[in-house]
Amino acid sequence: MSQRMVGKVINRLLRDEDLRVRFALDRIEALAALSTALTPDELDVFIQTDPRVWFWGSAVMGDQAH
Protein backbone atom coordinates (compact mmCIF):
# COMPACT_ATOMS: atom_id res chain seq x y z
CA MET A 1 0.00 0.00 0.00
CA SER A 2 1.28 3.41 -0.91
CA GLN A 3 0.73 5.51 2.19
CA ARG A 4 1.97 8.60 0.37
CA MET A 5 -0.55 8.27 -2.48
CA VAL A 6 -3.42 7.51 -0.10
CA GLY A 7 -2.45 10.56 1.93
CA LYS A 8 -2.49 12.76 -1.17
CA VAL A 9 -6.00 11.61 -2.08
CA ILE A 10 -7.23 12.17 1.47
CA ASN A 11 -5.71 15.67 1.55
CA ARG A 12 -7.30 16.54 -1.79
CA LEU A 13 -10.71 15.29 -0.67
CA LEU A 14 -10.48 17.34 2.51
CA ARG A 15 -9.24 20.52 0.82
CA ASP A 16 -10.99 20.59 -2.57
CA GLU A 17 -14.74 21.17 -2.38
CA ASP A 18 -15.22 20.66 -6.11
CA LEU A 19 -13.45 17.30 -5.91
CA ARG A 20 -15.67 16.27 -2.97
CA VAL A 21 -18.79 17.05 -4.98
CA ARG A 22 -17.44 15.16 -8.01
CA PHE A 23 -16.53 12.27 -5.72
CA ALA A 24 -20.04 12.20 -4.27
CA LEU A 25 -21.54 12.09 -7.77
CA ASP A 26 -19.07 9.68 -9.43
CA ARG A 27 -16.31 8.26 -7.26
CA ILE A 28 -14.54 6.41 -10.05
CA GLU A 29 -14.36 9.45 -12.32
CA ALA A 30 -13.15 11.68 -9.49
CA LEU A 31 -10.39 9.25 -8.51
CA ALA A 32 -9.35 8.76 -12.14
CA ALA A 33 -9.05 12.53 -12.56
CA LEU A 34 -6.47 12.63 -9.76
CA SER A 35 -4.07 10.49 -11.80
CA THR A 36 -2.54 8.91 -8.71
CA ALA A 37 -0.96 5.48 -8.58
CA LEU A 38 -3.35 3.78 -6.18
CA THR A 39 -3.49 0.01 -5.98
CA PRO A 40 -6.78 -1.74 -6.81
CA ASP A 41 -7.33 -2.37 -3.09
CA GLU A 42 -6.77 1.30 -2.27
CA LEU A 43 -9.18 2.34 -5.00
CA ASP A 44 -11.78 -0.07 -3.62
CA VAL A 45 -11.49 1.45 -0.16
CA PHE A 46 -12.09 4.95 -1.51
CA ILE A 47 -14.95 3.77 -3.73
CA GLN A 48 -16.64 2.03 -0.81
CA THR A 49 -16.26 5.06 1.45
CA ASP A 50 -19.43 6.99 2.16
CA PRO A 51 -18.82 10.38 0.46
CA ARG A 52 -20.40 12.19 3.42
CA VAL A 53 -17.24 11.36 5.39
CA TRP A 54 -15.25 13.87 3.34
CA PHE A 55 -17.79 16.64 3.82
CA TRP A 56 -17.95 15.97 7.56
CA GLY A 57 -14.17 15.96 7.85
CA SER A 58 -13.93 19.28 6.07
CA ALA A 59 -16.55 20.84 8.35
CA VAL A 60 -14.81 19.61 11.49
CA MET A 61 -11.29 20.55 10.41
CA GLY A 62 -12.26 23.95 9.03
CA ASP A 63 -9.19 26.06 8.30
CA GLN A 64 -6.86 23.29 9.48
CA ALA A 65 -7.56 21.38 6.23
CA HIS A 66 -6.02 24.22 4.18
C-alpha atoms as a PDB file:
ATOM      1  CA  MET A   1       0.000   0.000   0.000  1.00  0.00           C
ATOM      2  CA  SER A   2       1.279   3.414  -0.909  1.00  0.00           C
ATOM      3  CA  GLN A   3       0.728   5.509   2.194  1.00  0.00           C
ATOM      4  CA  ARG A   4       1.975   8.598   0.368  1.00  0.00           C
ATOM      5  CA  MET A   5      -0.554   8.266  -2.484  1.00  0.00           C
ATOM      6  CA  VAL A   6      -3.422   7.509  -0.103  1.00  0.00           C
ATOM      7  CA  GLY A   7      -2.454  10.563   1.932  1.00  0.00           C
ATOM      8  CA  LYS A   8      -2.486  12.757  -1.166  1.00  0.00           C
ATOM      9  CA  VAL A   9      -5.996  11.614  -2.080  1.00  0.00           C
ATOM     10  CA  ILE A  10      -7.227  12.166   1.473  1.00  0.00           C
ATOM     11  CA  ASN A  11      -5.713  15.667   1.550  1.00  0.00           C
ATOM     12  CA  ARG A  12      -7.296  16.544  -1.792  1.00  0.00           C
ATOM     13  CA  LEU A  13     -10.706  15.292  -0.673  1.00  0.00           C
ATOM     14  CA  LEU A  14     -10.484  17.343   2.512  1.00  0.00           C
ATOM     15  CA  ARG A  15      -9.243  20.518   0.816  1.00  0.00           C
ATOM     16  CA  ASP A  16     -10.987  20.587  -2.567  1.00  0.00           C
ATOM     17  CA  GLU A  17     -14.736  21.165  -2.377  1.00  0.00           C
ATOM     18  CA  ASP A  18     -15.222  20.656  -6.114  1.00  0.00           C
ATOM     19  CA  LEU A  19     -13.455  17.304  -5.906  1.00  0.00           C
ATOM     20  CA  ARG A  20     -15.671  16.273  -2.967  1.00  0.00           C
ATOM     21  CA  VAL A  21     -18.788  17.051  -4.979  1.00  0.00           C
ATOM     22  CA  ARG A  22     -17.438  15.162  -8.008  1.00  0.00           C
ATOM     23  CA  PHE A  23     -16.525  12.275  -5.719  1.00  0.00           C
ATOM     24  CA  ALA A  24     -20.042  12.202  -4.274  1.00  0.00           C
ATOM     25  CA  LEU A  25     -21.539  12.085  -7.770  1.00  0.00           C
ATOM     26  CA  ASP A  26     -19.067   9.680  -9.426  1.00  0.00           C
ATOM     27  CA  ARG A  27     -16.309   8.265  -7.258  1.00  0.00           C
ATOM     28  CA  ILE A  28     -14.538   6.406 -10.050  1.00  0.00           C
ATOM     29  CA  GLU A  29     -14.360   9.450 -12.320  1.00  0.00           C
ATOM     30  CA  ALA A  30     -13.150  11.675  -9.491  1.00  0.00           C
ATOM     31  CA  LEU A  31     -10.392   9.249  -8.510  1.00  0.00           C
ATOM     32  CA  ALA A  32      -9.354   8.757 -12.142  1.00  0.00           C
ATOM     33  CA  ALA A  33      -9.047  12.525 -12.562  1.00  0.00           C
ATOM     34  CA  LEU A  34      -6.468  12.630  -9.758  1.00  0.00           C
ATOM     35  CA  SER A  35      -4.070  10.486 -11.800  1.00  0.00           C
ATOM     36  CA  THR A  36      -2.544   8.913  -8.707  1.00  0.00           C
ATOM     37  CA  ALA A  37      -0.956   5.484  -8.585  1.00  0.00           C
ATOM     38  CA  LEU A  38      -3.349   3.780  -6.179  1.00  0.00           C
ATOM     39  CA  THR A  39      -3.494   0.011  -5.977  1.00  0.00           C
ATOM     40  CA  PRO A  40      -6.775  -1.737  -6.813  1.00  0.00           C
ATOM     41  CA  ASP A  41      -7.331  -2.372  -3.086  1.00  0.00           C
ATOM     42  CA  GLU A  42      -6.769   1.298  -2.267  1.00  0.00           C
ATOM     43  CA  LEU A  43      -9.184   2.340  -5.002  1.00  0.00           C
ATOM     44  CA  ASP A  44     -11.783  -0.074  -3.616  1.00  0.00           C
ATOM     45  CA  VAL A  45     -11.488   1.445  -0.156  1.00  0.00           C
ATOM     46  CA  PHE A  46     -12.088   4.950  -1.506  1.00  0.00           C
ATOM     47  CA  ILE A  47     -14.947   3.772  -3.734  1.00  0.00           C
ATOM     48  CA  GLN A  48     -16.637   2.032  -0.814  1.00  0.00           C
ATOM     49  CA  THR A  49     -16.260   5.057   1.454  1.00  0.00           C
ATOM     50  CA  ASP A  50     -19.431   6.994   2.156  1.00  0.00           C
ATOM     51  CA  PRO A  51     -18.821  10.380   0.456  1.00  0.00           C
ATOM     52  CA  ARG A  52     -20.400  12.191   3.423  1.00  0.00           C
ATOM     53  CA  VAL A  53     -17.242  11.357   5.394  1.00  0.00           C
ATOM     54  CA  TRP A  54     -15.250  13.873   3.343  1.00  0.00           C
ATOM     55  CA  PHE A  55     -17.793  16.640   3.816  1.00  0.00           C
ATOM     56  CA  TRP A  56     -17.949  15.967   7.556  1.00  0.00           C
ATOM     57  CA  GLY A  57     -14.168  15.955   7.848  1.00  0.00           C
ATOM     58  CA  SER A  58     -13.926  19.276   6.069  1.00  0.00           C
ATOM     59  CA  ALA A  59     -16.553  20.836   8.345  1.00  0.00           C
ATOM     60  CA  VAL A  60     -14.811  19.605  11.487  1.00  0.00           C
ATOM     61  CA  MET A  61     -11.291  20.547  10.407  1.00  0.00           C
ATOM     62  CA  GLY A  62     -12.261  23.946   9.026  1.00  0.00           C
ATOM     63  CA  ASP A  63      -9.194  26.056   8.305  1.00  0.00           C
ATOM     64  CA  GLN A  64      -6.864  23.285   9.480  1.00  0.00           C
ATOM     65  CA  ALA A  65      -7.557  21.379   6.231  1.00  0.00           C
ATOM     66  CA  HIS A  66      -6.016  24.223   4.180  1.00  0.00           C
END
